[in-house]
PDB file of N, CA and C in Angstrom:
ATOM      1  N   MET A   1     -31.992 -30.918 -34.572  1.00  0.00           N
ATOM      2  CA  MET A   1     -30.939 -29.844 -35.191  1.00  0.00           C
ATOM      3  C   MET A   1     -31.799 -28.392 -34.976  1.00  0.00           C
ATOM      4  N   SER A   2     -30.979 -27.739 -34.652  1.00  0.00           N
ATOM      5  CA  SER A   2     -31.445 -26.014 -34.122  1.00  0.00           C
ATOM      6  C   SER A   2     -31.446 -25.437 -35.513  1.00  0.00           C
ATOM      7  N   LYS A   3     -32.125 -24.684 -35.991  1.00  0.00           N
ATOM      8  CA  LYS A   3     -32.474 -24.153 -37.167  1.00  0.00           C
ATOM      9  C   LYS A   3     -31.949 -22.568 -36.830  1.00  0.00           C
ATOM     10  N   ASP A   4     -31.003 -22.336 -36.594  1.00  0.00           N
ATOM     11  CA  ASP A   4     -30.492 -20.924 -36.232  1.00  0.00           C
ATOM     12  C   ASP A   4     -30.306 -20.138 -37.377  1.00  0.00           C
ATOM     13  N   ASN A   5     -29.377 -21.089 -38.518  1.00  0.00           N
ATOM     14  CA  ASN A   5     -28.990 -20.322 -39.449  1.00  0.00           C
ATOM     15  C   ASN A   5     -28.259 -21.285 -40.272  1.00  0.00           C
ATOM     16  N   PHE A   6     -27.952 -21.297 -41.787  1.00  0.00           N
ATOM     17  CA  PHE A   6     -27.895 -21.833 -42.861  1.00  0.00           C
ATOM     18  C   PHE A   6     -26.591 -22.534 -42.591  1.00  0.00           C
ATOM     19  N   LEU A   7     -25.588 -21.418 -42.497  1.00  0.00           N
ATOM     20  CA  LEU A   7     -24.212 -21.951 -41.906  1.00  0.00           C
ATOM     21  C   LEU A   7     -24.109 -22.869 -41.176  1.00  0.00           C
ATOM     22  N   ASP A   8     -24.859 -22.902 -39.737  1.00  0.00           N
ATOM     23  CA  ASP A   8     -24.628 -23.816 -38.991  1.00  0.00           C
ATOM     24  C   ASP A   8     -25.201 -25.090 -38.974  1.00  0.00           C
ATOM     25  N   MET A   9     -26.718 -25.026 -39.965  1.00  0.00           N
ATOM     26  CA  MET A   9     -27.340 -26.233 -40.244  1.00  0.00           C
ATOM     27  C   MET A   9     -26.627 -27.159 -41.006  1.00  0.00           C
ATOM     28  N   GLY A  10     -25.393 -26.276 -42.093  1.00  0.00           N
ATOM     29  CA  GLY A  10     -24.521 -26.991 -42.870  1.00  0.00           C
ATOM     30  C   GLY A  10     -23.412 -27.432 -42.294  1.00  0.00           C
ATOM     31  N   ALA A  11     -22.929 -26.935 -41.052  1.00  0.00           N
ATOM     32  CA  ALA A  11     -21.802 -27.109 -40.394  1.00  0.00           C
ATOM     33  C   ALA A  11     -22.236 -28.672 -39.568  1.00  0.00           C
ATOM     34  N   GLU A  12     -23.425 -28.481 -39.043  1.00  0.00           N
ATOM     35  CA  GLU A  12     -23.727 -29.690 -38.025  1.00  0.00           C
ATOM     36  C   GLU A  12     -24.331 -30.774 -39.083  1.00  0.00           C
ATOM     37  N   ILE A  13     -24.660 -30.454 -39.997  1.00  0.00           N
ATOM     38  CA  ILE A  13     -24.518 -32.109 -41.260  1.00  0.00           C
ATOM     39  C   ILE A  13     -23.446 -32.497 -41.343  1.00  0.00           C
ATOM     40  N   LEU A  14     -22.149 -31.248 -42.221  1.00  0.00           N
ATOM     41  CA  LEU A  14     -21.019 -31.970 -42.278  1.00  0.00           C
ATOM     42  C   LEU A  14     -20.100 -32.887 -41.221  1.00  0.00           C
ATOM     43  N   THR A  15     -20.422 -32.267 -40.095  1.00  0.00           N
ATOM     44  CA  THR A  15     -19.423 -33.154 -38.876  1.00  0.00           C
ATOM     45  C   THR A  15     -20.188 -34.246 -38.302  1.00  0.00           C
ATOM     46  N   GLN A  16     -21.742 -34.089 -38.137  1.00  0.00           N
ATOM     47  CA  GLN A  16     -22.356 -35.753 -38.231  1.00  0.00           C
ATOM     48  C   GLN A  16     -22.114 -36.455 -39.038  1.00  0.00           C
ATOM     49  N   THR A  17     -21.505 -36.137 -40.152  1.00  0.00           N
ATOM     50  CA  THR A  17     -21.742 -37.278 -41.377  1.00  0.00           C
ATOM     51  C   THR A  17     -19.981 -37.592 -41.362  1.00  0.00           C
ATOM     52  N   PHE A  18     -18.839 -36.855 -41.669  1.00  0.00           N
ATOM     53  CA  PHE A  18     -17.864 -36.774 -41.651  1.00  0.00           C
ATOM     54  C   PHE A  18     -16.771 -36.702 -40.352  1.00  0.00           C
ATOM     55  N   GLY A  19     -17.214 -36.217 -39.445  1.00  0.00           N
ATOM     56  CA  GLY A  19     -16.635 -36.311 -37.830  1.00  0.00           C
ATOM     57  C   GLY A  19     -16.054 -34.818 -37.562  1.00  0.00           C
ATOM     58  N   THR A  20     -15.946 -34.327 -36.600  1.00  0.00           N
ATOM     59  CA  THR A  20     -15.827 -33.131 -36.025  1.00  0.00           C
ATOM     60  C   THR A  20     -14.486 -32.341 -36.801  1.00  0.00           C
ATOM     61  N   ASN A  21     -13.470 -33.234 -37.087  1.00  0.00           N
ATOM     62  CA  ASN A  21     -12.435 -33.231 -38.022  1.00  0.00           C
ATOM     63  C   ASN A  21     -12.540 -32.963 -39.400  1.00  0.00           C
ATOM     64  N   LEU A  22     -13.644 -33.210 -39.816  1.00  0.00           N
ATOM     65  CA  LEU A  22     -13.964 -33.970 -41.296  1.00  0.00           C
ATOM     66  C   LEU A  22     -13.022 -34.642 -42.017  1.00  0.00           C
ATOM     67  N   GLY A  23     -12.308 -35.475 -41.075  1.00  0.00           N
ATOM     68  CA  GLY A  23     -11.642 -36.867 -41.584  1.00  0.00           C
ATOM     69  C   GLY A  23     -12.024 -37.958 -42.013  1.00  0.00           C
ATOM     70  N   GLY A  24     -13.745 -38.255 -41.989  1.00  0.00           N
ATOM     71  CA  GLY A  24     -14.172 -39.437 -42.209  1.00  0.00           C
ATOM     72  C   GLY A  24     -14.605 -40.305 -41.010  1.00  0.00           C
ATOM     73  N   ASN A  25     -14.051 -39.880 -39.742  1.00  0.00           N
ATOM     74  CA  ASN A  25     -14.538 -40.752 -38.417  1.00  0.00           C
ATOM     75  C   ASN A  25     -15.600 -40.248 -37.810  1.00  0.00           C
ATOM     76  N   ALA A  26     -16.903 -40.537 -38.149  1.00  0.00           N
ATOM     77  CA  ALA A  26     -17.979 -39.831 -37.623  1.00  0.00           C
ATOM     78  C   ALA A  26     -18.332 -40.237 -36.530  1.00  0.00           C
ATOM     79  N   THR A  27     -18.695 -39.372 -35.559  1.00  0.00           N
ATOM     80  CA  THR A  27     -18.649 -39.676 -33.918  1.00  0.00           C
ATOM     81  C   THR A  27     -20.009 -39.249 -33.607  1.00  0.00           C
ATOM     82  N   GLY A  28     -20.528 -38.575 -34.570  1.00  0.00           N
ATOM     83  CA  GLY A  28     -22.384 -38.491 -34.221  1.00  0.00           C
ATOM     84  C   GLY A  28     -22.424 -36.938 -33.448  1.00  0.00           C
ATOM     85  N   GLU A  29     -20.812 -35.965 -33.389  1.00  0.00           N
ATOM     86  CA  GLU A  29     -21.235 -34.827 -32.744  1.00  0.00           C
ATOM     87  C   GLU A  29     -21.451 -33.858 -34.123  1.00  0.00           C
ATOM     88  N   LYS A  30     -22.389 -32.958 -33.009  1.00  0.00           N
ATOM     89  CA  LYS A  30     -22.604 -31.515 -33.993  1.00  0.00           C
ATOM     90  C   LYS A  30     -21.513 -30.700 -33.975  1.00  0.00           C
ATOM     91  N   THR A  31     -21.276 -29.710 -34.495  1.00  0.00           N
ATOM     92  CA  THR A  31     -20.548 -28.546 -34.377  1.00  0.00           C
ATOM     93  C   THR A  31     -20.929 -27.407 -35.254  1.00  0.00           C
ATOM     94  N   GLY A  32     -21.327 -26.622 -34.708  1.00  0.00           N
ATOM     95  CA  GLY A  32     -21.412 -25.419 -35.107  1.00  0.00           C
ATOM     96  C   GLY A  32     -20.213 -24.666 -36.328  1.00  0.00           C
ATOM     97  N   PHE A  33     -21.278 -23.822 -37.173  1.00  0.00           N
ATOM     98  CA  PHE A  33     -19.952 -23.154 -37.941  1.00  0.00           C
ATOM     99  C   PHE A  33     -19.020 -22.207 -37.429  1.00  0.00           C
ATOM    100  N   LEU A  34     -19.189 -21.607 -36.460  1.00  0.00           N
ATOM    101  CA  LEU A  34     -17.812 -21.085 -35.728  1.00  0.00           C
ATOM    102  C   LEU A  34     -17.159 -21.699 -34.944  1.00  0.00           C
ATOM    103  N   GLU A  35     -17.510 -23.091 -34.184  1.00  0.00           N
ATOM    104  CA  GLU A  35     -16.452 -23.768 -33.944  1.00  0.00           C
ATOM    105  C   GLU A  35     -15.907 -24.501 -34.749  1.00  0.00           C
ATOM    106  N   MET A  36     -16.455 -24.891 -36.195  1.00  0.00           N
ATOM    107  CA  MET A  36     -15.871 -25.710 -37.092  1.00  0.00           C
ATOM    108  C   MET A  36     -14.954 -24.309 -37.643  1.00  0.00           C
ATOM    109  N   LEU A  37     -15.166 -23.354 -37.575  1.00  0.00           N
ATOM    110  CA  LEU A  37     -14.482 -22.326 -38.185  1.00  0.00           C
ATOM    111  C   LEU A  37     -12.581 -21.984 -37.350  1.00  0.00           C
ATOM    112  N   ASN A  38     -13.042 -22.181 -36.190  1.00  0.00           N
ATOM    113  CA  ASN A  38     -12.055 -22.210 -35.415  1.00  0.00           C
ATOM    114  C   ASN A  38     -10.860 -23.142 -35.344  1.00  0.00           C
ATOM    115  N   LYS A  39     -11.341 -24.335 -35.709  1.00  0.00           N
ATOM    116  CA  LYS A  39     -10.692 -25.265 -35.531  1.00  0.00           C
ATOM    117  C   LYS A  39     -10.133 -25.702 -36.791  1.00  0.00           C
ATOM    118  N   THR A  40      -9.650 -24.507 -37.812  1.00  0.00           N
ATOM    119  CA  THR A  40      -9.396 -24.728 -39.385  1.00  0.00           C
ATOM    120  C   THR A  40      -8.103 -24.328 -38.954  1.00  0.00           C
ATOM    121  N   ASP A  41      -7.404 -24.116 -40.373  1.00  0.00           N
ATOM    122  CA  ASP A  41      -5.827 -23.816 -40.322  1.00  0.00           C
ATOM    123  C   ASP A  41      -6.084 -22.341 -40.632  1.00  0.00           C
ATOM    124  N   LEU A  42      -6.690 -21.673 -41.176  1.00  0.00           N
ATOM    125  CA  LEU A  42      -6.733 -20.436 -41.670  1.00  0.00           C
ATOM    126  C   LEU A  42      -6.434 -19.392 -40.648  1.00  0.00           C
ATOM    127  N   THR A  43      -5.941 -18.250 -41.210  1.00  0.00           N
ATOM    128  CA  THR A  43      -5.125 -17.657 -40.428  1.00  0.00           C
ATOM    129  C   THR A  43      -6.524 -16.639 -39.915  1.00  0.00           C
ATOM    130  N   GLU A  44      -6.087 -15.634 -38.453  1.00  0.00           N
ATOM    131  CA  GLU A  44      -7.161 -15.325 -38.198  1.00  0.00           C
ATOM    132  C   GLU A  44      -7.668 -14.022 -38.903  1.00  0.00           C
ATOM    133  N   GLU A  45      -6.967 -13.491 -39.482  1.00  0.00           N
ATOM    134  CA  GLU A  45      -7.430 -12.501 -40.802  1.00  0.00           C
ATOM    135  C   GLU A  45      -8.590 -13.096 -41.684  1.00  0.00           C
ATOM    136  N   GLN A  46      -8.029 -14.397 -41.899  1.00  0.00           N
ATOM    137  CA  GLN A  46      -9.257 -15.012 -43.039  1.00  0.00           C
ATOM    138  C   GLN A  46     -10.439 -15.532 -42.002  1.00  0.00           C
ATOM    139  N   LYS A  47     -10.165 -16.028 -41.087  1.00  0.00           N
ATOM    140  CA  LYS A  47     -11.333 -16.435 -39.991  1.00  0.00           C
ATOM    141  C   LYS A  47     -12.341 -15.110 -39.448  1.00  0.00           C
ATOM    142  N   THR A  48     -11.569 -13.950 -39.491  1.00  0.00           N
ATOM    143  CA  THR A  48     -12.503 -12.971 -39.358  1.00  0.00           C
ATOM    144  C   THR A  48     -13.153 -12.345 -40.542  1.00  0.00           C
ATOM    145  N   GLU A  49     -12.843 -12.643 -41.574  1.00  0.00           N
ATOM    146  CA  GLU A  49     -13.531 -12.401 -42.739  1.00  0.00           C
ATOM    147  C   GLU A  49     -14.638 -13.352 -43.055  1.00  0.00           C
ATOM    148  N   TYR A  50     -14.468 -14.558 -42.408  1.00  0.00           N
ATOM    149  CA  TYR A  50     -15.773 -15.346 -42.413  1.00  0.00           C
ATOM    150  C   TYR A  50     -16.949 -15.096 -41.493  1.00  0.00           C
ATOM    151  N   ARG A  51     -16.435 -14.723 -40.407  1.00  0.00           N
ATOM    152  CA  ARG A  51     -17.163 -14.003 -39.393  1.00  0.00           C
ATOM    153  C   ARG A  51     -18.281 -12.997 -39.541  1.00  0.00           C
ATOM    154  N   ILE A  52     -17.752 -12.065 -40.339  1.00  0.00           N
ATOM    155  CA  ILE A  52     -18.535 -11.032 -40.413  1.00  0.00           C
ATOM    156  C   ILE A  52     -19.836 -11.362 -41.705  1.00  0.00           C
TER     157      ILE A  52
END
């Protein structure tokens, strides 16, 4: 696991454990924070707030 920042580390652990859609079907794939954020159903304005 790359230790670039804490958000990526947390997102990678979550997606490894619960799957890339966080639905409980773990595939073992690692997804970074920004990739996971892009998959959410938040508005673009909300996503921008998280990116800052």
